[in-house]
Protein backbone atom coordinates (compact mmCIF):
# COMPACT_ATOMS: atom_id res chain seq x y z
CA MET A 1 -20.10 -4.20 -8.77
CA ASP A 2 -18.03 -7.29 -9.40
CA ILE A 3 -15.11 -7.25 -6.99
CA GLY A 4 -14.20 -10.83 -7.81
CA LYS A 5 -12.46 -10.04 -11.10
CA ARG A 6 -9.52 -8.25 -9.52
CA LYS A 7 -6.19 -10.06 -9.41
CA THR A 8 -5.42 -11.20 -5.86
CA LEU A 9 -2.19 -12.31 -4.21
CA ASN A 10 -1.72 -15.65 -2.49
CA PRO A 11 -3.49 -15.22 0.88
CA TYR A 12 -0.71 -17.03 2.76
CA PHE A 13 1.88 -14.64 1.31
CA VAL A 14 -0.25 -11.63 2.22
CA ALA A 15 -0.89 -12.91 5.74
CA GLY A 16 2.79 -13.60 6.30
CA ARG A 17 3.87 -10.20 5.02
CA MET A 18 1.23 -8.41 7.06
CA GLY A 19 2.27 -10.36 10.15
CA LEU A 20 5.92 -9.35 9.67
CA LEU A 21 4.99 -5.69 9.17
CA ARG A 22 2.82 -5.86 12.28
CA LEU A 23 5.68 -7.27 14.33
CA GLN A 24 8.04 -4.56 13.08
CA TRP A 25 5.46 -1.93 14.04
CA ASP A 26 4.77 -3.39 17.49
CA LEU A 27 8.46 -3.39 18.40
CA GLN A 28 8.75 0.39 17.99
CA PRO A 29 8.18 2.60 21.07
CA ARG A 30 6.17 5.09 19.00
CA SER A 31 3.65 2.33 18.32
CA TRP A 32 3.04 1.81 22.05
CA ILE A 33 2.76 5.54 22.66
CA SER A 34 0.47 6.06 19.67
CA ARG A 35 -1.76 3.18 20.71
CA ARG A 36 -2.15 4.73 24.15
CA ARG A 37 -2.88 8.14 22.66
CA VAL A 38 -5.51 6.79 20.25
CA ARG A 39 -7.12 4.83 23.07
CA ARG A 40 -7.68 8.07 24.97
CA TRP A 41 -10.08 9.16 22.23
CA LYS A 42 -12.23 6.04 22.60
CA ASN A 43 -15.89 7.09 23.12
CA ARG A 44 -14.79 10.60 24.10
CA TYR A 45 -17.72 12.01 22.08
CA LYS A 46 -20.24 9.25 22.69
CA GLY A 47 -23.64 10.23 21.31
CA GLY A 48 -22.27 13.31 19.54
CA LYS A 49 -22.14 14.47 15.93
CA ALA A 50 -19.24 15.13 13.58
CA ILE A 51 -18.52 16.23 10.03
CA ILE A 52 -15.91 14.71 7.72
CA LEU A 53 -14.50 17.35 5.36
CA CYS A 54 -13.59 15.56 2.14
CA ASN A 55 -11.46 17.23 -0.51
CA GLY A 56 -13.68 17.42 -3.61
CA PRO A 57 -14.40 20.70 -5.46
CA SER A 58 -17.80 20.94 -3.76
CA LEU A 59 -16.01 21.68 -0.48
CA ASN A 60 -15.82 25.24 -1.82
CA HIS A 61 -19.60 25.52 -1.34
CA VAL A 62 -19.35 25.01 2.44
CA ASP A 63 -19.94 28.00 4.73
CA PHE A 64 -16.96 27.57 7.08
CA ASP A 65 -17.99 30.52 9.23
CA LEU A 66 -21.19 28.62 9.95
CA LEU A 67 -19.22 25.49 10.80
CA GLN A 68 -17.02 27.43 13.17
CA GLU A 69 -19.99 29.06 14.88
CA SER A 70 -21.75 25.73 15.30
CA GLY A 71 -18.87 24.19 17.25
CA VAL A 72 -19.41 20.85 15.53
CA PHE A 73 -16.47 18.42 15.64
CA THR A 74 -14.76 18.19 12.23
CA PHE A 75 -12.33 15.78 10.60
CA GLY A 76 -10.08 17.46 8.04
CA LEU A 77 -8.44 15.20 5.48
CA ASN A 78 -5.02 15.25 3.82
CA LYS A 79 -4.26 18.75 2.51
CA ILE A 80 -7.19 20.53 4.17
CA ASN A 81 -4.62 23.14 5.25
CA LEU A 82 -4.70 24.57 1.69
CA LEU A 83 -8.00 26.07 2.81
CA PHE A 84 -6.52 27.97 5.74
CA SER A 85 -5.51 31.08 3.79
CA ARG A 86 -9.19 31.65 2.97
CA THR A 87 -10.80 31.19 6.37
CA ASP A 88 -10.15 31.28 10.11
CA PHE A 89 -11.88 27.90 10.41
CA ARG A 90 -9.71 25.00 11.55
CA PRO A 91 -10.77 21.34 11.78
CA SER A 92 -10.77 19.56 15.12
CA VAL A 93 -8.34 16.91 13.84
CA ILE A 94 -6.67 16.00 10.55
CA VAL A 95 -6.39 12.49 9.09
CA SER A 96 -3.92 11.42 6.38
CA VAL A 97 -2.70 7.96 5.39
CA ASN A 98 -1.47 8.16 1.78
CA PRO A 99 2.36 8.18 1.69
CA LEU A 100 2.59 10.60 -1.24
CA VAL A 101 0.24 13.08 0.41
CA ILE A 102 2.07 12.85 3.74
CA GLU A 103 5.44 13.48 2.12
CA GLN A 104 4.09 16.42 0.08
CA ASN A 105 2.41 17.96 3.13
CA ALA A 106 5.20 17.22 5.60
CA ALA A 107 6.13 20.88 6.15
CA PHE A 108 2.65 21.62 7.48
CA PHE A 109 2.33 18.38 9.43
CA ASN A 110 5.65 19.09 11.15
CA THR A 111 4.59 22.53 12.36
CA THR A 112 0.87 22.38 13.12
CA GLU A 113 -0.42 21.89 16.65
CA LEU A 114 -3.70 20.37 15.47
CA PRO A 115 -4.16 16.71 16.43
CA LEU A 116 -2.95 14.53 13.54
CA PHE A 117 -3.91 10.93 12.82
CA LEU A 118 -1.36 9.59 10.33
CA ASP A 119 -0.38 6.24 8.92
CA GLY A 120 2.57 4.80 10.80
CA GLY A 121 4.73 5.06 7.69
CA ALA A 122 4.60 8.84 8.12
CA ALA A 123 7.36 8.51 10.70
CA LYS A 124 9.81 8.76 7.78
CA HIS A 125 8.82 12.39 7.30
CA ILE A 126 6.97 13.53 10.43
CA GLN A 127 8.51 14.30 13.80
CA PHE A 128 6.79 12.36 16.58
CA ARG A 129 5.28 15.00 18.88
CA GLU A 130 2.48 15.16 21.43
CA ASN A 131 -0.20 15.90 18.81
CA ILE A 132 0.80 12.98 16.57
CA HIS A 133 -1.15 9.72 16.54
CA PHE A 134 0.40 7.11 14.27
CA LEU A 135 -2.09 4.50 13.04
CA HIS A 136 -1.24 0.93 12.13
CA THR A 137 -2.75 -0.09 8.79
CA GLY A 138 -3.88 -3.66 9.27
CA SER A 139 -5.11 -6.39 6.98
CA SER A 140 -5.96 -5.43 3.42
CA VAL A 141 -8.86 -7.90 3.47
CA LEU A 142 -11.94 -6.31 1.94
CA GLY A 143 -14.70 -5.23 4.27
CA LYS A 144 -12.70 -4.79 7.46
CA PHE A 145 -13.86 -1.92 9.66
CA ALA A 146 -12.04 -0.96 12.85
CA ARG A 147 -14.41 -0.21 15.71
CA ASP A 148 -11.36 0.38 17.90
CA CYS A 149 -8.57 2.21 16.04
CA SER A 150 -5.96 1.88 18.76
CA MET A 151 -4.73 -1.43 17.31
CA SER A 152 -5.23 -1.14 13.54
CA ILE A 153 -7.31 0.51 10.85
CA ASN A 154 -8.23 -0.47 7.30
CA GLN A 155 -7.56 2.18 4.67
CA GLY A 156 -10.41 1.00 2.43
CA TYR A 157 -8.88 2.74 -0.62
CA THR A 158 -9.77 6.20 0.71
CA VAL A 159 -8.82 8.36 3.69
CA THR A 160 -12.53 9.09 4.14
CA TYR A 161 -13.03 5.47 5.24
CA VAL A 162 -10.28 5.90 7.85
CA ALA A 163 -12.03 9.02 9.18
CA MET A 164 -15.28 7.03 9.43
CA GLN A 165 -13.52 4.43 11.57
CA LEU A 166 -12.01 7.10 13.80
CA ALA A 167 -15.42 8.76 14.18
CA PHE A 168 -16.88 5.43 15.26
CA HIS A 169 -13.95 4.90 17.65
CA MET A 170 -14.60 8.30 19.21
CA GLY A 171 -18.25 7.46 19.78
CA PHE A 172 -20.04 9.79 17.36
CA ASP A 173 -23.61 8.70 16.68
CA ARG A 174 -24.21 10.82 13.60
CA VAL A 175 -21.60 11.68 11.01
CA ALA A 176 -22.00 13.88 7.93
CA LEU A 177 -19.87 13.97 4.79
CA VAL A 178 -19.26 17.19 2.88
CA GLY A 179 -17.08 17.64 -0.18
CA CYS A 180 -17.33 13.96 -1.08
CA ASP A 181 -17.92 14.36 -4.82
CA HIS A 182 -17.04 10.72 -5.61
CA SER A 183 -16.27 11.81 -9.16
CA PHE A 184 -12.98 12.64 -10.91
CA ALA A 185 -12.08 14.18 -14.25
CA ALA A 186 -8.78 12.28 -14.22
CA ARG A 187 -8.89 8.99 -16.08
CA GLY A 188 -6.76 5.87 -15.85
CA PRO A 189 -6.40 2.57 -13.98
CA ALA A 190 -7.47 2.74 -10.33
CA ASN A 191 -4.60 3.29 -7.85
CA GLN A 192 -2.08 4.02 -10.61
CA THR A 193 0.52 6.64 -9.69
CA VAL A 194 0.47 9.50 -12.19
CA VAL A 195 2.06 12.93 -12.58
CA ALA A 196 -0.23 15.91 -12.03
CA GLY A 197 -0.71 18.61 -14.62
CA LYS A 198 -0.53 22.36 -14.18
CA THR A 199 -3.73 22.60 -12.13
CA ASP A 200 -6.03 20.17 -10.32
CA PRO A 201 -9.73 20.07 -11.29
CA ASP A 202 -10.55 17.20 -8.91
CA HIS A 203 -9.97 18.83 -5.52
CA PHE A 204 -11.06 21.98 -3.72
CA ASP A 205 -7.80 23.78 -4.47
CA PRO A 206 -6.24 23.94 -7.97
CA HIS A 207 -2.81 23.36 -6.42
CA TYR A 208 -3.82 20.26 -4.45
CA PHE A 209 -2.06 17.96 -6.94
CA SER A 210 -0.34 20.10 -9.55
CA GLY A 211 2.92 21.06 -11.19
CA GLY A 212 4.27 17.55 -11.63
CA MET A 213 3.33 16.18 -8.20
CA LYS A 214 2.79 12.45 -8.06
CA TRP A 215 -0.59 11.14 -6.94
CA GLN A 216 -2.60 7.95 -7.11
CA LEU A 217 -5.73 7.79 -9.22
CA PRO A 218 -8.85 7.03 -7.14
CA ASP A 219 -10.43 3.61 -6.84
CA LEU A 220 -14.09 4.60 -6.81
CA MET A 221 -15.38 1.03 -6.98
CA TYR A 222 -13.51 -0.17 -3.91
CA SER A 223 -14.10 3.12 -2.10
CA GLU A 224 -17.83 2.71 -2.58
CA PHE A 225 -17.62 -0.92 -1.47
CA HIS A 226 -16.09 0.20 1.82
CA TYR A 227 -18.54 3.08 2.19
CA ARG A 228 -21.31 0.48 2.19
CA ILE A 229 -19.48 -1.46 4.89
CA ALA A 230 -19.21 1.70 7.00
CA ARG A 231 -22.90 2.51 6.48
CA ASP A 232 -23.92 -0.96 7.61
CA VAL A 233 -21.60 -0.98 10.65
CA TYR A 234 -22.99 2.35 11.79
CA GLU A 235 -26.60 1.28 11.28
CA GLN A 236 -26.07 -2.00 13.11
CA ALA A 237 -24.78 0.02 16.07
CA GLY A 238 -27.77 2.37 15.97
CA ARG A 239 -25.68 5.13 14.42
CA ARG A 240 -25.84 6.93 11.09
CA ILE A 241 -23.75 8.48 8.31
CA VAL A 242 -25.40 11.03 6.01
CA ASN A 243 -24.15 12.80 2.90
CA CYS A 244 -24.36 16.61 3.06
CA THR A 245 -22.25 17.15 -0.06
CA VAL A 246 -23.54 19.70 -2.57
CA GLY A 247 -24.02 17.61 -5.71
CA GLY A 248 -21.54 14.83 -6.34
CA LYS A 249 -22.21 11.22 -7.30
CA LEU A 250 -22.12 9.41 -3.96
CA GLU A 251 -25.52 7.88 -3.25
CA VAL A 252 -24.55 5.20 -0.71
CA PHE A 253 -25.66 7.41 2.17
CA GLU A 254 -28.92 9.25 2.67
CA ARG A 255 -28.71 12.87 1.60
CA GLN A 256 -29.27 15.68 4.08
CA ASP A 257 -28.88 19.43 3.92
CA LEU A 258 -25.85 20.59 5.89
CA GLY A 259 -27.85 23.40 7.47
CA ASP A 260 -30.36 20.90 8.80
CA PHE A 261 -27.55 18.75 10.17
CA LEU A 262 -26.01 21.75 11.93
CA ASP A 263 -29.38 22.90 13.28
CA GLN A 264 -29.80 19.50 14.86
CA GLN A 265 -26.27 19.83 16.27
CA LEU A 266 -27.18 23.16 17.86
CA ASN A 267 -30.52 22.01 19.21
CA GLN A 268 -29.59 18.50 20.32
CA PRO A 269 -26.58 18.45 22.66
């Protein structure tokens, strides 16, 4: 993949703008409180295992009763709450950083008691409560991976990458992806904001993006680039990410059956 052909902004302009945004963030009391809250999660699950629940159609193949019985730690992403009417399963935490998604899902985010990890810009729509952890999105430089998320994270063109950084921050040794199809029926320029049709074929729920909602087309190339960064960071630290998705087109990570991953979770404390 040739990442050098993309148009880039003047690095001095980018650095200056990022520095100003950082200063604005650091001067807000909620940034200090959030930083302290995120720091409390540092290495809380050292040596443990976790699952990141991505939002592709294949998520519908997951046995959530089995997940609940296993007690494995789970990261829900974005609009995972659309699943709640079908199952008693609830993720351990929810991560969301896209401004359109946060605004669309604000009603749920403002009422749930589940721990939420949200981009700091969510403060426009989300009431700052005890379960809220606002994250500072740092430098947009390619390849950045936050080993400590209390200061900044890199969005890496996908919320899944943010969840990988949080899992590393929390100390998990082995992390599994499910529902990461890495394939979309929607076509168009990466990151372009478009208007959704009547139903959504690209996510686990047909109403995920539908009925005229705005959403940003995926950037699969840059997402995969950052997945490789995450894989390498984990491996260099003696940790591992595996892909337990049913089908899909993501081959960056070694494939593993979800049942086998959960069996190891049950047998290896």
